[in-house]
Amino acid sequence: MTTEEEKTLKTLETRIRQLILKFQQTKEEVEELQEEVVVKDRELLELKRQNQLLEANYANLKMAKMLEIGDTDLSSAKQRLNRLVRDVDKCIALLKAMGPDATTTL
């Protein structure tokens, strides 16, 4: 073998070693990234679960607020109805106080 061939062979060996080293580094990096993907997938699943719980809680709060508003409206409607009944009772009492002739003229 000539010195030129030996030099070329050594250069080839050096480059092959560099490629092997680079391959090993890349392989380790891929494994680390795959582990990171697994961790991120778990985090994503947990966040989705939390999001579903929060959406359910929000829907429950929304429903409770609607019921609360409904109860308030119901209470105010009852108060208005009671006022109307009292007004009608007052009118009836006034008509009775006017006598029997007052009711026939209406």
N, C-alpha and C. Protein backbone atom coordinates (compact mmCIF):
# COMPACT_ATOMS: atom_id res chain seq x y z
N MET A 1 0.83 -1.17 0.00
CA MET A 1 0.00 0.00 0.00
C MET A 1 0.89 1.24 0.00
N THR A 2 0.50 2.17 -0.81
CA THR A 2 1.27 3.39 -0.89
C THR A 2 0.87 4.34 0.22
N THR A 3 1.71 5.30 0.42
CA THR A 3 1.42 6.28 1.48
C THR A 3 0.16 7.08 1.15
N GLU A 4 -0.06 7.28 -0.08
CA GLU A 4 -1.28 8.01 -0.49
C GLU A 4 -2.51 7.18 -0.14
N GLU A 5 -2.47 5.89 -0.37
CA GLU A 5 -3.59 5.02 -0.05
C GLU A 5 -3.77 4.94 1.47
N GLU A 6 -2.68 4.87 2.20
CA GLU A 6 -2.75 4.82 3.66
C GLU A 6 -3.37 6.11 4.21
N LYS A 7 -2.99 7.20 3.63
CA LYS A 7 -3.53 8.49 4.06
C LYS A 7 -5.03 8.54 3.77
N THR A 8 -5.43 8.10 2.62
CA THR A 8 -6.83 8.08 2.25
C THR A 8 -7.61 7.14 3.17
N LEU A 9 -7.02 5.97 3.47
CA LEU A 9 -7.65 5.01 4.36
C LEU A 9 -7.82 5.60 5.76
N LYS A 10 -6.83 6.28 6.28
CA LYS A 10 -6.91 6.90 7.60
C LYS A 10 -7.97 8.00 7.60
N THR A 11 -8.05 8.77 6.54
CA THR A 11 -9.06 9.81 6.44
C THR A 11 -10.45 9.19 6.42
N LEU A 12 -10.58 8.08 5.68
CA LEU A 12 -11.85 7.38 5.63
C LEU A 12 -12.23 6.82 7.00
N GLU A 13 -11.29 6.23 7.72
CA GLU A 13 -11.53 5.71 9.06
C GLU A 13 -11.95 6.83 10.01
N THR A 14 -11.26 7.95 9.92
CA THR A 14 -11.58 9.09 10.77
C THR A 14 -13.01 9.58 10.49
N ARG A 15 -13.36 9.66 9.25
CA ARG A 15 -14.71 10.13 8.89
C ARG A 15 -15.78 9.13 9.30
N ILE A 16 -15.46 7.84 9.18
CA ILE A 16 -16.40 6.82 9.62
C ILE A 16 -16.60 6.91 11.13
N ARG A 17 -15.53 7.10 11.88
CA ARG A 17 -15.66 7.26 13.33
C ARG A 17 -16.50 8.50 13.66
N GLN A 18 -16.25 9.58 12.94
CA GLN A 18 -17.03 10.80 13.17
C GLN A 18 -18.52 10.55 12.88
N LEU A 19 -18.79 9.80 11.81
CA LEU A 19 -20.18 9.48 11.46
C LEU A 19 -20.82 8.61 12.53
N ILE A 20 -20.07 7.63 13.02
CA ILE A 20 -20.59 6.76 14.07
C ILE A 20 -20.88 7.57 15.33
N LEU A 21 -19.97 8.45 15.69
CA LEU A 21 -20.16 9.31 16.86
C LEU A 21 -21.38 10.22 16.66
N LYS A 22 -21.48 10.81 15.48
CA LYS A 22 -22.61 11.68 15.18
C LYS A 22 -23.92 10.88 15.22
N PHE A 23 -23.90 9.65 14.70
CA PHE A 23 -25.07 8.79 14.74
C PHE A 23 -25.49 8.49 16.17
N GLN A 24 -24.54 8.18 17.03
CA GLN A 24 -24.84 7.88 18.43
C GLN A 24 -25.42 9.11 19.14
N GLN A 25 -24.85 10.28 18.85
CA GLN A 25 -25.36 11.51 19.44
C GLN A 25 -26.81 11.77 18.98
N THR A 26 -27.01 11.57 17.69
CA THR A 26 -28.35 11.79 17.14
C THR A 26 -29.34 10.78 17.71
N LYS A 27 -28.90 9.54 17.86
CA LYS A 27 -29.75 8.50 18.43
C LYS A 27 -30.14 8.85 19.87
N GLU A 28 -29.19 9.33 20.67
CA GLU A 28 -29.49 9.74 22.05
C GLU A 28 -30.46 10.92 22.06
N GLU A 29 -30.23 11.85 21.15
CA GLU A 29 -31.11 13.02 21.07
C GLU A 29 -32.54 12.59 20.71
N VAL A 30 -32.66 11.65 19.79
CA VAL A 30 -33.98 11.15 19.40
C VAL A 30 -34.66 10.48 20.59
N GLU A 31 -33.91 9.69 21.34
CA GLU A 31 -34.49 9.03 22.52
C GLU A 31 -34.96 10.05 23.54
N GLU A 32 -34.15 11.10 23.76
CA GLU A 32 -34.55 12.16 24.70
C GLU A 32 -35.82 12.86 24.21
N LEU A 33 -35.87 13.13 22.92
CA LEU A 33 -37.04 13.80 22.36
C LEU A 33 -38.28 12.91 22.44
N GLN A 34 -38.09 11.61 22.25
CA GLN A 34 -39.22 10.70 22.38
C GLN A 34 -39.73 10.67 23.81
N GLU A 35 -38.83 10.67 24.77
CA GLU A 35 -39.24 10.72 26.18
C GLU A 35 -39.99 12.02 26.46
N GLU A 36 -39.49 13.10 25.90
CA GLU A 36 -40.13 14.40 26.09
C GLU A 36 -41.54 14.40 25.48
N VAL A 37 -41.68 13.75 24.34
CA VAL A 37 -42.99 13.66 23.71
C VAL A 37 -43.96 12.88 24.60
N VAL A 38 -43.48 11.81 25.21
CA VAL A 38 -44.32 11.02 26.11
C VAL A 38 -44.77 11.88 27.29
N VAL A 39 -43.83 12.63 27.85
CA VAL A 39 -44.17 13.51 28.98
C VAL A 39 -45.19 14.56 28.55
N LYS A 40 -44.97 15.15 27.39
CA LYS A 40 -45.89 16.18 26.90
C LYS A 40 -47.27 15.59 26.61
N ASP A 41 -47.30 14.36 26.10
CA ASP A 41 -48.59 13.72 25.87
C ASP A 41 -49.34 13.51 27.18
N ARG A 42 -48.63 13.10 28.21
CA ARG A 42 -49.27 12.93 29.52
C ARG A 42 -49.79 14.27 30.03
N GLU A 43 -48.96 15.32 29.89
CA GLU A 43 -49.39 16.64 30.33
C GLU A 43 -50.63 17.09 29.55
N LEU A 44 -50.62 16.83 28.25
CA LEU A 44 -51.75 17.20 27.41
C LEU A 44 -53.02 16.49 27.85
N LEU A 45 -52.92 15.20 28.12
CA LEU A 45 -54.08 14.45 28.59
C LEU A 45 -54.59 15.00 29.92
N GLU A 46 -53.67 15.33 30.82
CA GLU A 46 -54.06 15.88 32.12
C GLU A 46 -54.75 17.24 31.93
N LEU A 47 -54.20 18.07 31.05
CA LEU A 47 -54.80 19.38 30.80
C LEU A 47 -56.17 19.24 30.14
N LYS A 48 -56.32 18.27 29.25
CA LYS A 48 -57.63 18.04 28.64
C LYS A 48 -58.64 17.60 29.70
N ARG A 49 -58.20 16.74 30.62
CA ARG A 49 -59.08 16.29 31.70
C ARG A 49 -59.50 17.47 32.57
N GLN A 50 -58.51 18.30 32.91
CA GLN A 50 -58.82 19.49 33.72
C GLN A 50 -59.77 20.42 32.98
N ASN A 51 -59.54 20.56 31.69
CA ASN A 51 -60.40 21.42 30.88
C ASN A 51 -61.84 20.90 30.88
N GLN A 52 -62.00 19.58 30.76
CA GLN A 52 -63.34 19.01 30.80
C GLN A 52 -64.00 19.26 32.15
N LEU A 53 -63.23 19.11 33.23
CA LEU A 53 -63.78 19.37 34.57
C LEU A 53 -64.19 20.83 34.71
N LEU A 54 -63.34 21.72 34.22
CA LEU A 54 -63.65 23.15 34.31
C LEU A 54 -64.88 23.50 33.47
N GLU A 55 -64.98 22.89 32.29
CA GLU A 55 -66.16 23.15 31.47
C GLU A 55 -67.43 22.64 32.15
N ALA A 56 -67.33 21.47 32.79
CA ALA A 56 -68.49 20.93 33.52
C ALA A 56 -68.84 21.85 34.69
N ASN A 57 -67.83 22.31 35.42
CA ASN A 57 -68.08 23.23 36.53
C ASN A 57 -68.71 24.52 36.03
N TYR A 58 -68.22 25.02 34.90
CA TYR A 58 -68.77 26.25 34.34
C TYR A 58 -70.23 26.05 33.96
N ALA A 59 -70.52 24.92 33.34
CA ALA A 59 -71.92 24.64 32.97
C ALA A 59 -72.80 24.56 34.21
N ASN A 60 -72.29 23.94 35.27
CA ASN A 60 -73.05 23.85 36.52
C ASN A 60 -73.27 25.23 37.13
N LEU A 61 -72.23 26.05 37.11
CA LEU A 61 -72.37 27.41 37.65
C LEU A 61 -73.36 28.22 36.82
N LYS A 62 -73.29 28.04 35.51
CA LYS A 62 -74.21 28.74 34.64
C LYS A 62 -75.65 28.34 34.95
N MET A 63 -75.86 27.05 35.13
CA MET A 63 -77.20 26.55 35.45
C MET A 63 -77.65 27.08 36.81
N ALA A 64 -76.75 27.07 37.78
CA ALA A 64 -77.09 27.58 39.11
C ALA A 64 -77.45 29.06 39.04
N LYS A 65 -76.71 29.81 38.24
CA LYS A 65 -76.99 31.24 38.10
C LYS A 65 -78.36 31.44 37.44
N MET A 66 -78.65 30.61 36.46
CA MET A 66 -79.96 30.72 35.80
C MET A 66 -81.07 30.40 36.79
N LEU A 67 -80.86 29.38 37.62
CA LEU A 67 -81.87 29.04 38.62
C LEU A 67 -82.01 30.15 39.65
N GLU A 68 -80.86 30.73 40.02
CA GLU A 68 -80.89 31.83 40.98
C GLU A 68 -81.67 33.00 40.42
N ILE A 69 -81.42 33.33 39.17
CA ILE A 69 -82.16 34.41 38.53
C ILE A 69 -83.64 34.05 38.45
N GLY A 70 -83.91 32.79 38.14
CA GLY A 70 -85.29 32.33 38.08
C GLY A 70 -85.98 32.46 39.42
N ASP A 71 -85.29 32.11 40.50
CA ASP A 71 -85.86 32.24 41.84
C ASP A 71 -86.13 33.71 42.17
N THR A 72 -85.22 34.59 41.79
CA THR A 72 -85.40 36.02 42.03
C THR A 72 -86.61 36.52 41.25
N ASP A 73 -86.72 36.12 40.00
CA ASP A 73 -87.87 36.52 39.19
C ASP A 73 -89.15 35.96 39.78
N LEU A 74 -89.08 34.74 40.25
CA LEU A 74 -90.26 34.12 40.86
C LEU A 74 -90.68 34.89 42.10
N SER A 75 -89.71 35.28 42.91
CA SER A 75 -90.01 36.03 44.12
C SER A 75 -90.62 37.39 43.77
N SER A 76 -90.04 38.08 42.81
CA SER A 76 -90.60 39.39 42.44
C SER A 76 -91.97 39.23 41.80
N ALA A 77 -92.19 38.17 41.05
CA ALA A 77 -93.51 37.92 40.46
C ALA A 77 -94.54 37.68 41.56
N LYS A 78 -94.15 36.92 42.58
CA LYS A 78 -95.06 36.68 43.71
C LYS A 78 -95.40 37.99 44.41
N GLN A 79 -94.41 38.85 44.59
CA GLN A 79 -94.64 40.13 45.25
C GLN A 79 -95.60 40.99 44.42
N ARG A 80 -95.41 41.01 43.11
CA ARG A 80 -96.31 41.79 42.25
C ARG A 80 -97.73 41.25 42.31
N LEU A 81 -97.83 39.92 42.29
CA LEU A 81 -99.15 39.29 42.37
C LEU A 81 -99.82 39.62 43.70
N ASN A 82 -99.06 39.57 44.79
CA ASN A 82 -99.63 39.92 46.11
C ASN A 82 -100.10 41.37 46.12
N ARG A 83 -99.34 42.28 45.51
CA ARG A 83 -99.75 43.68 45.44
C ARG A 83 -101.04 43.84 44.65
N LEU A 84 -101.12 43.12 43.53
CA LEU A 84 -102.34 43.19 42.73
C LEU A 84 -103.55 42.67 43.50
N VAL A 85 -103.37 41.58 44.21
CA VAL A 85 -104.46 41.02 45.02
C VAL A 85 -104.89 42.02 46.08
N ARG A 86 -103.90 42.68 46.72
CA ARG A 86 -104.25 43.69 47.73
C ARG A 86 -105.01 44.86 47.10
N ASP A 87 -104.55 45.27 45.90
CA ASP A 87 -105.25 46.37 45.23
C ASP A 87 -106.68 45.98 44.89
N VAL A 88 -106.87 44.76 44.42
CA VAL A 88 -108.22 44.29 44.10
C VAL A 88 -109.06 44.24 45.38
N ASP A 89 -108.46 43.73 46.47
CA ASP A 89 -109.18 43.69 47.75
C ASP A 89 -109.59 45.10 48.19
N LYS A 90 -108.68 46.08 48.02
CA LYS A 90 -109.01 47.46 48.39
C LYS A 90 -110.17 47.98 47.55
N CYS A 91 -110.11 47.66 46.25
CA CYS A 91 -111.20 48.12 45.37
C CYS A 91 -112.53 47.49 45.78
N ILE A 92 -112.49 46.22 46.10
CA ILE A 92 -113.72 45.54 46.54
C ILE A 92 -114.22 46.17 47.84
N ALA A 93 -113.31 46.46 48.75
CA ALA A 93 -113.69 47.07 50.03
C ALA A 93 -114.29 48.45 49.79
N LEU A 94 -113.70 49.24 48.89
CA LEU A 94 -114.25 50.56 48.57
C LEU A 94 -115.64 50.45 47.96
N LEU A 95 -115.80 49.49 47.06
CA LEU A 95 -117.11 49.31 46.44
C LEU A 95 -118.16 48.90 47.47
N LYS A 96 -117.77 48.04 48.39
CA LYS A 96 -118.71 47.62 49.44
C LYS A 96 -119.05 48.80 50.33
N ALA A 97 -118.05 49.67 50.57
CA ALA A 97 -118.29 50.84 51.43
C ALA A 97 -119.24 51.82 50.75
N MET A 98 -119.24 51.86 49.45
CA MET A 98 -120.12 52.79 48.73
C MET A 98 -121.56 52.30 48.74
N GLY A 99 -121.74 51.07 49.01
CA GLY A 99 -123.10 50.54 49.09
C GLY A 99 -123.43 49.66 47.91
N PRO A 100 -124.65 49.07 47.95
CA PRO A 100 -125.05 48.16 46.90
C PRO A 100 -125.30 48.84 45.57
N ASP A 101 -125.61 50.10 45.58
CA ASP A 101 -125.87 50.81 44.31
C ASP A 101 -124.60 51.04 43.52
N ALA A 102 -123.45 51.14 44.19
CA ALA A 102 -122.17 51.42 43.52
C ALA A 102 -121.75 50.25 42.62
N THR A 103 -122.06 49.02 43.03
CA THR A 103 -121.63 47.88 42.25
C THR A 103 -122.49 47.67 41.01
N THR A 104 -123.73 48.11 41.05
CA THR A 104 -124.61 47.91 39.88
C THR A 104 -124.36 48.93 38.81
N THR A 105 -123.79 50.08 39.15
CA THR A 105 -123.54 51.10 38.14
C THR A 105 -122.31 50.79 37.32
N LEU A 106 -121.45 49.91 37.80
CA LEU A 106 -120.28 49.55 37.02
C LEU A 106 -120.69 48.56 35.99
